[in-house]
Each structure stands twice: as structure tokens, then as C-alpha cells.
Amino acid sequence: MDQSASWKTPQNFLLIISIVVPIAFSSWMALLNNFVIEKANFDGADIGLLQSVREIPGFLAFTAVFVLLFIREQKFILLSLCALTLGTALTGFFPSLFGLLLTTLLMSTGFHYFETLKQSLSLQWLSKEEAPEMLGKFISVGALASLCTYGALWVCLEVLNMDFKWVYLSFGGVGFLLVLWMTLAFPQFKSEVPQNKKLVLRKRYWLYYALTFMSGARRQIFTVFAGFLMVEKFGYSAADITMLFLINYLFNFLFAKKIGRFIGKVGERKALMFEYTGLICVFVGYALVQSAEWAAALYVVDHLFFALALAIKTYFQKIADPADMASTAGVAFTINHIAAVFIPVTFGLIWLVSPAAVFYIGAAMAGVSFALSMNIPAQPDEGNEVRVLRWS
């Protein structure tokens, strides 16, 4: 093998794209709450509307399978990253509700197609044995990239006193240049199993669909309202939020790969039951917390639980037909975002009446997820997808 090209592997391609998103999307997310409050005068209803619009491309992720009729997955994922990074770069120049809706839609379209395609390619290119640890490694590498991103964000905000628009432009631009380099550097990789180019909905995947739906609902509580709580109730500055994200990603960098190994060792059922038990406690804590320090602790623990959610992906890889990876990835992201489209805007209205109620509902959602996870077999496989309610 040509030693100069020995690093150009599918695994390294997946590792590097795991770096691009933290540079662009993490900077967008870290600055968002402060940007919309300080520059665009948002209230809870406005942020709920913005986040609902952000999730519309996720709801439409199933359309990825139709685009794959015309373009290969690897090229499609690079185009998606271009949209993500450009949307981020432009965000700071449009500090209004309408402007933010447009730039967010561009950024989010790229992000959600990327996430759909990354899941598909990961489950195609990785073996069932290596998938849990490698998926954990991707999270760990992404966390390291996020650490560097948030460290740089903190310097830009606190030391250089840069305006939001120049910070967004800088980080989105760096991500865009990295995508261009990847387009030129990596060859086209082939998948061993040709993928179905049509929508696939199978009865035997029903538990995977249900877990995915609940995961999307839970994620919105964290993404939209936990961060908003920090700013609105406890007065966290943009630099404070950035420091909080630094702590989050330090924990992910240190533990995500170990969490992947843990899932491979104990199995998906036990891992998910542990996650949802913890989430019930975290959401109740959000509802009751009166201290900024305790709120920050809950935020860090909440974020760490995201790594355990990769057990849903490895569960699907074990039960699925290998030809279904691309199609089902799109369908799964659509299912994941059914709740994501209506929860931010409706819960934004609930927030205006009672922020605590939002988190109590989140605890109830975690309870439903716990009940669903108990139905995962100890050794999931094709033909052994669930413990009860098996459908052919």
C-alpha cells in the first residue's frame, strides 16, 4: 500500500467529519442564546419558534434517500457540511427573527442531512464488533474538537472582545475550508452492500423507531430549554455558557470511548435503562433547581448521558438488514424530529407559564423511554428484535 495514502481510510474520513461539526455547529449553539437575547431581543416564544424551524430539515431527513438516486453518500455528506458551515458563517450578519430563521434553515439542512448520512456510513463501514467503541471514539474526537472550539470562543469573547458576527464568520469559515480540503484529499470509498434507494419501514424495527422518537423529544428539552434556563433564570453570559460547554466536552473526551466499550460489554438494554433512570433525576432537578451552580452540574450530567444514546444505533445495527442502513437512517431522523418540530414552539408557550412544567414533562418522557428500553433482548439480532410484541 502507498504509505502516503495509508491514512486515507473510511474510519479516518468519519473521524475528520466528526471534527467539522463541532467547529461550526457547536459555536453556533454556544452563542445562540446570548446572541438572540442580546442582539435580537428574543423571548421564550421566539426561541421556541426558531428551534422548531431548525428541526424542520430533520423532520424531512427521509428525503435523503431520494437524493441518493443522483449522488453518492460520500459526496452528499460533504455538500451537507458546506451548507452547515456557510449557514453558521452568515448567522451573525442577520440579527432579526426573519434573518435568523433563514440562516438557521440553511445551517440546519446541512446539519441534519450530515447526521443522517454519517449514521448510515458509520453502520455500513464499521463491523458490529467495532461499532460501539468506534462510535464512542467519534464522540470523543468530536468532544476534543469542541474543547478546542470553546476554548477559542472564550478567547474571542473575553480577550479579543469580538462581535458576534465576526465570531460566527470565523468559525463557520474554518469549518468550510476543512470541508474543501476533505473533498480534495479523500478518495471515493465503496460500500460492501448496495443500499436500498427507497423508503423502508419494517414492522420488526418498531422498537427502534419508538426509542428514536422518544430520544428526539428528550433532546429538545436539553437543546432548547436547559440552555435557555441558564441564561434567562441564572444570568449566564456567553463566556459562561462557553465555559460550561468546555466542561461538557472535556467529560465527553475523557469518557465517551469508555462509554462505547461499556455498551459493548453490558449490552444496549442495560445501558439505555441506566441512561433513562439518570435522565428522570436530571429533569426533576431542572424543575426544582434554585442555584446557578447546581443548574450547571445538572447541565454537565445531562450532556454526558448523550453518549449512552449511541446504544440505540448499535441496537439497530444488530437487528437490521445491512441494505437498510441508508434508507432507515433517513426515516429514523424524520421520526426523531416529529417531536422536535412541535415541542420547541409548544413548550415555549408552556415555558411562559411555568418553566418547571417543561422539565417535569421531560421526566415523564424519560420514564416512557425506560419502559421501552426494557423490551430490548439481551442479545438482539435479526429475528430477535424485541422481548415482547414481536412483529414479522
Protein backbone atom coordinates (compact mmCIF):
# COMPACT_ATOMS: atom_id res chain seq x y z
CA MET A 1 0.00 0.00 0.00
CA ASP A 2 1.15 3.53 -0.74
CA GLN A 3 2.27 4.74 2.69
CA SER A 4 1.47 8.34 1.80
CA ALA A 5 -2.17 7.36 1.31
CA SER A 6 -2.43 4.80 4.11
CA TRP A 7 -4.29 7.27 6.33
CA LYS A 8 -7.00 7.82 3.71
CA THR A 9 -9.37 5.24 5.18
CA PRO A 10 -13.15 5.29 5.75
CA GLN A 11 -12.54 5.31 9.51
CA ASN A 12 -10.35 8.41 9.26
CA PHE A 13 -12.88 10.08 6.97
CA LEU A 14 -15.51 9.55 9.65
CA LEU A 15 -13.12 10.81 12.32
CA ILE A 16 -12.38 14.04 10.46
CA ILE A 17 -16.01 14.82 9.66
CA SER A 18 -16.59 14.36 13.40
CA ILE A 19 -14.29 17.38 13.84
CA VAL A 20 -16.01 19.69 11.33
CA VAL A 21 -19.39 19.75 13.07
CA PRO A 22 -18.04 20.81 16.50
CA ILE A 23 -16.19 23.70 14.86
CA ALA A 24 -19.30 25.03 13.10
CA PHE A 25 -22.42 23.76 14.87
CA SER A 26 -21.03 23.87 18.42
CA SER A 27 -20.00 27.51 18.00
CA TRP A 28 -23.47 28.29 16.57
CA MET A 29 -25.16 26.59 19.50
CA ALA A 30 -22.89 28.04 22.20
CA LEU A 31 -23.51 31.62 21.13
CA LEU A 32 -27.17 31.27 20.20
CA ASN A 33 -28.99 32.03 23.45
CA ASN A 34 -26.91 35.11 24.19
CA PHE A 35 -26.99 36.27 20.57
CA VAL A 36 -30.79 36.09 20.27
CA ILE A 37 -31.38 37.73 23.65
CA GLU A 38 -28.74 40.47 23.38
CA LYS A 39 -28.96 41.27 19.66
CA ALA A 40 -32.43 40.15 18.52
CA ASN A 41 -34.46 40.64 21.74
CA PHE A 42 -35.96 37.13 21.72
CA ASP A 43 -38.35 35.83 24.37
CA GLY A 44 -39.27 32.19 25.13
CA ALA A 45 -41.84 32.04 22.33
CA ASP A 46 -39.32 33.40 19.76
CA ILE A 47 -36.62 30.90 20.68
CA GLY A 48 -39.20 28.12 20.56
CA LEU A 49 -40.23 29.16 17.03
CA LEU A 50 -36.59 29.37 15.90
CA GLN A 51 -35.80 25.94 17.28
CA SER A 52 -38.90 24.45 15.68
CA VAL A 53 -37.81 25.84 12.31
CA ARG A 54 -34.32 24.45 12.97
CA GLU A 55 -35.81 21.00 13.30
CA ILE A 56 -37.87 21.05 10.09
CA PRO A 57 -34.94 19.71 7.98
CA GLY A 58 -34.58 16.90 10.49
CA PHE A 59 -38.23 16.06 10.00
CA LEU A 60 -37.56 15.92 6.23
CA ALA A 61 -34.41 13.80 6.58
CA PHE A 62 -36.14 10.86 4.89
CA THR A 63 -35.75 12.77 1.60
CA ALA A 64 -32.03 11.92 1.73
CA VAL A 65 -32.79 8.52 0.19
CA PHE A 66 -34.24 10.23 -2.90
CA VAL A 67 -31.19 12.48 -3.28
CA LEU A 68 -29.06 9.32 -3.19
CA LEU A 69 -30.61 8.34 -6.52
CA PHE A 70 -28.46 11.10 -8.07
CA ILE A 71 -25.39 11.42 -5.83
CA ARG A 72 -23.26 9.07 -3.75
CA GLU A 73 -23.45 9.27 0.02
CA GLN A 74 -19.88 10.43 0.47
CA LYS A 75 -20.31 13.41 -1.88
CA PHE A 76 -23.70 14.19 -0.36
CA ILE A 77 -22.26 14.35 3.15
CA LEU A 78 -19.58 16.83 2.03
CA LEU A 79 -22.20 19.06 0.38
CA SER A 80 -24.21 18.91 3.59
CA LEU A 81 -21.20 20.07 5.57
CA CYS A 82 -20.79 23.00 3.15
CA ALA A 83 -24.35 24.13 3.88
CA LEU A 84 -23.79 23.73 7.63
CA THR A 85 -20.61 25.78 7.70
CA LEU A 86 -21.93 28.53 5.40
CA GLY A 87 -25.11 28.86 7.45
CA THR A 88 -23.01 29.27 10.59
CA ALA A 89 -20.72 31.85 8.97
CA LEU A 90 -23.68 34.03 7.91
CA THR A 91 -25.65 33.88 11.18
CA GLY A 92 -24.16 36.92 12.90
CA PHE A 93 -24.98 39.24 9.98
CA PHE A 94 -28.76 38.80 10.39
CA PRO A 95 -29.78 39.68 13.99
CA SER A 96 -33.54 39.58 13.43
CA LEU A 97 -36.22 36.92 13.68
CA PHE A 98 -36.63 36.62 9.90
CA GLY A 99 -32.88 36.68 9.22
CA LEU A 100 -32.17 34.07 11.88
CA LEU A 101 -34.93 31.84 10.54
CA LEU A 102 -33.28 31.86 7.08
CA THR A 103 -29.67 31.29 8.20
CA THR A 104 -30.81 28.68 10.70
CA LEU A 105 -32.71 26.82 7.98
CA LEU A 106 -29.57 26.70 5.78
CA MET A 107 -27.35 25.60 8.64
CA SER A 108 -29.87 23.04 9.87
CA THR A 109 -30.47 21.50 6.45
CA GLY A 110 -26.76 20.78 6.19
CA PHE A 111 -26.54 19.54 9.77
CA HIS A 112 -29.44 17.11 9.59
CA TYR A 113 -28.52 15.63 6.24
CA PHE A 114 -25.00 15.24 7.61
CA GLU A 115 -26.18 13.41 10.73
CA THR A 116 -28.40 11.12 8.65
CA LEU A 117 -25.59 10.24 6.27
CA LYS A 118 -22.97 9.88 8.99
CA GLN A 119 -25.11 7.30 10.79
CA SER A 120 -25.65 5.42 7.54
CA LEU A 121 -21.98 5.41 6.53
CA SER A 122 -20.81 4.52 10.05
CA LEU A 123 -23.08 1.49 10.26
CA GLN A 124 -22.05 0.42 6.75
CA TRP A 125 -18.30 0.91 7.13
CA LEU A 126 -17.90 -0.39 10.71
CA SER A 127 -18.32 -4.01 11.77
CA LYS A 128 -20.82 -4.90 14.51
CA GLU A 129 -17.92 -5.77 16.82
CA GLU A 130 -16.05 -2.49 16.42
CA ALA A 131 -19.07 -0.18 16.10
CA PRO A 132 -19.75 0.57 19.82
CA GLU A 133 -16.14 1.52 20.59
CA MET A 134 -15.58 3.37 17.30
CA LEU A 135 -18.82 5.35 17.65
CA GLY A 136 -17.67 6.26 21.14
CA LYS A 137 -14.30 7.26 19.69
CA PHE A 138 -16.01 9.54 17.17
CA ILE A 139 -17.85 11.24 20.04
CA SER A 140 -14.56 11.55 21.94
CA VAL A 141 -12.75 13.09 18.95
CA GLY A 142 -15.67 15.44 18.38
CA ALA A 143 -15.54 16.38 22.03
CA LEU A 144 -11.84 17.21 21.75
CA ALA A 145 -12.62 19.40 18.73
CA SER A 146 -15.37 21.04 20.76
CA LEU A 147 -12.95 21.69 23.62
CA CYS A 148 -10.63 23.50 21.23
CA THR A 149 -13.60 25.35 19.68
CA TYR A 150 -14.99 26.51 23.02
CA GLY A 151 -11.55 27.50 24.23
CA ALA A 152 -11.12 29.62 21.11
CA LEU A 153 -14.64 31.02 21.56
CA TRP A 154 -13.83 32.07 25.10
CA VAL A 155 -10.69 33.87 23.89
CA CYS A 156 -12.64 35.60 21.11
CA LEU A 157 -15.34 36.79 23.51
CA GLU A 158 -13.39 37.59 26.69
CA VAL A 159 -9.90 38.51 25.47
CA LEU A 160 -10.46 39.89 21.98
CA ASN A 161 -14.00 41.21 22.63
CA MET A 162 -15.06 40.22 19.12
CA ASP A 163 -18.57 40.99 17.93
CA PHE A 164 -20.88 38.01 17.48
CA LYS A 165 -20.93 38.32 13.68
CA TRP A 166 -17.15 38.04 13.38
CA VAL A 167 -17.05 35.06 15.71
CA TYR A 168 -19.71 33.26 13.66
CA LEU A 169 -17.89 34.13 10.42
CA SER A 170 -14.54 32.90 11.74
CA PHE A 171 -15.70 29.51 12.97
CA GLY A 172 -18.03 28.84 10.06
CA GLY A 173 -15.25 29.81 7.65
CA VAL A 174 -12.71 27.46 9.26
CA GLY A 175 -15.20 24.60 9.01
CA PHE A 176 -15.88 25.38 5.34
CA LEU A 177 -12.15 25.34 4.48
CA LEU A 178 -11.76 21.99 6.23
CA VAL A 179 -14.60 20.54 4.14
CA LEU A 180 -12.96 21.76 0.93
CA TRP A 181 -9.71 20.06 1.96
CA MET A 182 -11.50 16.76 2.68
CA THR A 183 -13.20 16.90 -0.73
CA LEU A 184 -9.79 17.05 -2.41
CA ALA A 185 -7.88 14.72 -0.07
CA PHE A 186 -10.06 11.60 0.24
CA PRO A 187 -10.88 9.06 -2.49
CA GLN A 188 -14.39 7.67 -3.01
CA PHE A 189 -14.99 4.65 -0.77
CA LYS A 190 -17.23 1.75 -1.77
CA SER A 191 -19.82 0.09 0.49
CA GLU A 192 -19.89 -3.70 0.57
CA VAL A 193 -23.70 -3.90 0.48
CA PRO A 194 -25.70 -1.85 -2.08
CA GLN A 195 -28.22 0.33 -0.27
CA ASN A 196 -31.97 0.41 -0.87
CA LYS A 197 -32.88 3.60 -2.74
CA LYS A 198 -36.46 3.70 -1.45
CA LEU A 199 -38.15 4.36 1.86
CA VAL A 200 -38.06 1.36 4.18
CA LEU A 201 -40.48 0.93 7.09
CA ARG A 202 -40.44 -2.51 8.67
CA LYS A 203 -42.70 -3.71 11.46
CA ARG A 204 -39.83 -5.56 13.11
CA TYR A 205 -37.97 -2.26 13.61
CA TRP A 206 -40.84 -0.79 15.65
CA LEU A 207 -38.90 -0.62 18.94
CA TYR A 208 -36.02 1.18 17.25
CA TYR A 209 -38.48 3.71 15.82
CA ALA A 210 -40.12 4.23 19.23
CA LEU A 211 -36.78 4.72 21.02
CA THR A 212 -35.70 7.13 18.29
CA PHE A 213 -38.90 9.17 18.62
CA MET A 214 -38.51 9.50 22.39
CA SER A 215 -34.83 10.35 22.02
CA GLY A 216 -35.76 13.26 19.75
CA ALA A 217 -38.26 14.54 22.30
CA ARG A 218 -35.74 14.31 25.15
CA ARG A 219 -33.04 16.05 23.12
CA GLN A 220 -35.24 19.10 22.60
CA ILE A 221 -35.66 19.64 26.32
CA PHE A 222 -31.89 19.80 26.69
CA THR A 223 -31.03 21.65 23.49
CA VAL A 224 -33.71 24.33 23.67
CA PHE A 225 -34.72 24.84 27.28
CA ALA A 226 -31.84 23.74 29.53
CA GLY A 227 -29.51 26.29 27.92
CA PHE A 228 -32.22 28.94 27.89
CA LEU A 229 -32.73 28.32 31.63
CA MET A 230 -29.07 29.11 32.25
CA VAL A 231 -29.29 32.48 30.52
CA GLU A 232 -32.79 33.63 31.46
CA LYS A 233 -33.02 32.44 35.09
CA PHE A 234 -29.39 32.46 36.23
CA GLY A 235 -27.95 35.22 34.01
CA TYR A 236 -25.15 33.23 32.42
CA SER A 237 -23.11 35.28 29.92
CA ALA A 238 -21.92 33.99 26.53
CA ALA A 239 -18.50 33.36 28.08
CA ASP A 240 -20.12 31.46 30.98
CA ILE A 241 -22.05 29.24 28.57
CA THR A 242 -18.87 28.65 26.58
CA MET A 243 -17.05 27.59 29.76
CA LEU A 244 -19.92 25.25 30.60
CA PHE A 245 -19.66 23.65 27.18
CA LEU A 246 -15.91 23.27 27.70
CA ILE A 247 -16.61 21.22 30.81
CA ASN A 248 -19.24 19.18 28.95
CA TYR A 249 -16.88 18.25 26.15
CA LEU A 250 -13.98 17.57 28.49
CA PHE A 251 -16.16 14.91 30.12
CA ASN A 252 -17.13 13.51 26.71
CA PHE A 253 -13.50 13.45 25.59
CA LEU A 254 -12.50 11.56 28.72
CA PHE A 255 -15.40 9.12 28.90
CA ALA A 256 -17.16 8.69 25.50
CA LYS A 257 -14.86 5.93 24.23
CA LYS A 258 -15.17 4.16 27.60
CA ILE A 259 -18.94 4.50 27.39
CA GLY A 260 -18.80 2.82 23.97
CA ARG A 261 -16.86 -0.06 25.50
CA PHE A 262 -19.35 -0.17 28.38
CA ILE A 263 -22.24 -0.54 25.93
CA GLY A 264 -20.38 -3.30 24.09
CA LYS A 265 -19.85 -5.10 27.41
CA VAL A 266 -23.23 -4.78 29.19
CA GLY A 267 -25.48 -4.57 26.12
CA GLU A 268 -27.90 -1.98 24.82
CA ARG A 269 -30.76 -2.75 27.21
CA LYS A 270 -28.84 -2.16 30.44
CA ALA A 271 -27.04 0.88 29.02
CA LEU A 272 -30.28 2.58 27.98
CA MET A 273 -32.09 1.71 31.22
CA PHE A 274 -29.23 3.35 33.11
CA GLU A 275 -29.41 6.44 30.86
CA TYR A 276 -33.14 6.95 31.29
CA THR A 277 -33.04 6.45 35.04
CA GLY A 278 -30.45 9.20 35.25
CA LEU A 279 -32.45 11.48 32.96
CA ILE A 280 -35.54 11.26 35.15
CA CYS A 281 -33.44 12.56 38.05
CA VAL A 282 -31.84 15.27 35.89
CA PHE A 283 -35.14 16.65 34.56
CA VAL A 284 -36.72 16.74 38.01
CA GLY A 285 -33.59 18.54 39.16
CA TYR A 286 -34.00 21.18 36.43
CA ALA A 287 -37.57 21.78 37.58
CA LEU A 288 -36.55 22.33 41.21
CA VAL A 289 -33.10 23.92 40.99
CA GLN A 290 -32.61 27.37 42.53
CA SER A 291 -28.82 27.55 42.41
CA ALA A 292 -26.79 28.51 39.35
CA GLU A 293 -24.05 26.09 40.42
CA TRP A 294 -26.42 23.13 40.78
CA ALA A 295 -28.04 24.01 37.45
CA ALA A 296 -24.60 23.88 35.83
CA ALA A 297 -23.92 20.48 37.41
CA LEU A 298 -27.21 19.13 36.05
CA TYR A 299 -26.34 20.52 32.61
CA VAL A 300 -23.00 18.69 32.57
CA VAL A 301 -24.51 15.38 33.71
CA ASP A 302 -27.33 15.74 31.17
CA HIS A 303 -24.85 16.26 28.35
CA LEU A 304 -22.78 13.23 29.39
CA PHE A 305 -25.83 10.98 29.00
CA PHE A 306 -25.90 11.78 25.27
CA ALA A 307 -23.00 9.37 24.72
CA LEU A 308 -25.11 6.49 26.05
CA ALA A 309 -27.70 7.18 23.34
CA LEU A 310 -25.38 5.59 20.76
CA ALA A 311 -26.72 2.28 22.13
CA ILE A 312 -29.86 2.92 20.04
CA LYS A 313 -27.69 2.94 16.89
CA THR A 314 -25.78 -0.22 17.78
CA TYR A 315 -29.08 -1.94 18.65
CA PHE A 316 -30.37 -1.12 15.17
CA GLN A 317 -27.14 -2.30 13.51
CA LYS A 318 -27.59 -5.70 15.18
CA ILE A 319 -31.22 -6.23 14.13
CA ALA A 320 -31.22 -4.62 10.66
CA ASP A 321 -30.79 -5.86 7.13
CA PRO A 322 -27.42 -4.36 6.02
CA ALA A 323 -29.07 -2.97 2.86
CA ASP A 324 -31.45 -0.87 5.00
CA MET A 325 -28.83 1.37 6.65
CA ALA A 326 -29.10 4.42 4.35
CA SER A 327 -32.88 4.40 3.95
CA THR A 328 -33.60 3.70 7.61
CA ALA A 329 -31.15 6.39 8.75
CA GLY A 330 -33.29 8.97 6.93
CA VAL A 331 -36.54 7.52 8.20
CA ALA A 332 -35.13 7.41 11.75
CA PHE A 333 -34.11 11.07 11.66
CA THR A 334 -37.57 12.01 10.45
CA ILE A 335 -39.11 10.03 13.31
CA ASN A 336 -36.60 11.62 15.70
CA HIS A 337 -37.75 15.05 14.58
CA ILE A 338 -41.51 14.59 14.64
CA ALA A 339 -41.41 15.64 18.28
CA ALA A 340 -38.65 18.13 17.55
CA VAL A 341 -40.85 20.16 15.21
CA PHE A 342 -43.69 20.75 17.65
CA ILE A 343 -42.03 20.52 21.09
CA PRO A 344 -39.94 23.76 20.96
CA VAL A 345 -42.80 26.01 19.89
CA THR A 346 -45.49 24.41 22.10
CA PHE A 347 -43.20 24.03 25.09
CA GLY A 348 -42.06 27.62 24.53
CA LEU A 349 -45.62 28.65 25.29
CA ILE A 350 -45.69 26.37 28.35
CA TRP A 351 -42.42 27.99 29.42
CA LEU A 352 -44.10 31.40 29.57
CA VAL A 353 -46.48 29.99 32.20
CA SER A 354 -44.25 27.51 34.09
CA PRO A 355 -40.64 26.63 33.18
CA ALA A 356 -40.72 23.81 35.76
CA ALA A 357 -43.60 22.12 33.90
CA VAL A 358 -41.39 21.77 30.81
CA PHE A 359 -38.88 19.72 32.77
CA TYR A 360 -41.48 17.62 34.60
CA ILE A 361 -42.85 16.62 31.20
CA GLY A 362 -39.27 15.77 30.20
CA ALA A 363 -39.00 13.46 33.21
CA ALA A 364 -42.20 11.71 32.12
CA MET A 365 -40.72 11.25 28.63
CA ALA A 366 -37.63 9.66 30.14
CA GLY A 367 -39.91 7.29 32.05
CA VAL A 368 -41.58 6.18 28.81
CA SER A 369 -38.14 5.62 27.25
CA PHE A 370 -37.12 3.50 30.25
CA ALA A 371 -40.17 1.28 29.76
CA LEU A 372 -39.39 0.87 26.05
CA SER A 373 -35.73 0.01 26.69
CA MET A 374 -36.77 -2.90 28.91
CA ASN A 375 -38.09 -4.60 25.75
CA ILE A 376 -34.64 -4.88 24.14
CA PRO A 377 -33.38 -8.51 24.17
CA ALA A 378 -30.11 -9.39 25.90
CA GLN A 379 -28.72 -10.48 22.51
CA PRO A 380 -30.55 -8.51 19.77
CA ASP A 381 -30.25 -9.88 16.24
CA GLU A 382 -32.26 -10.29 13.05
CA GLY A 383 -35.33 -12.26 14.13
CA ASN A 384 -34.74 -11.38 17.79
CA GLU A 385 -35.56 -7.68 17.78
CA VAL A 386 -37.74 -7.45 20.91
CA ARG A 387 -38.65 -9.45 24.00
CA VAL A 388 -42.41 -8.98 23.57
CA LEU A 389 -44.71 -7.77 20.74
CA ARG A 390 -42.60 -9.35 18.00
CA TRP A 391 -43.93 -8.44 14.53
CA SER A 392 -42.71 -10.04 11.34
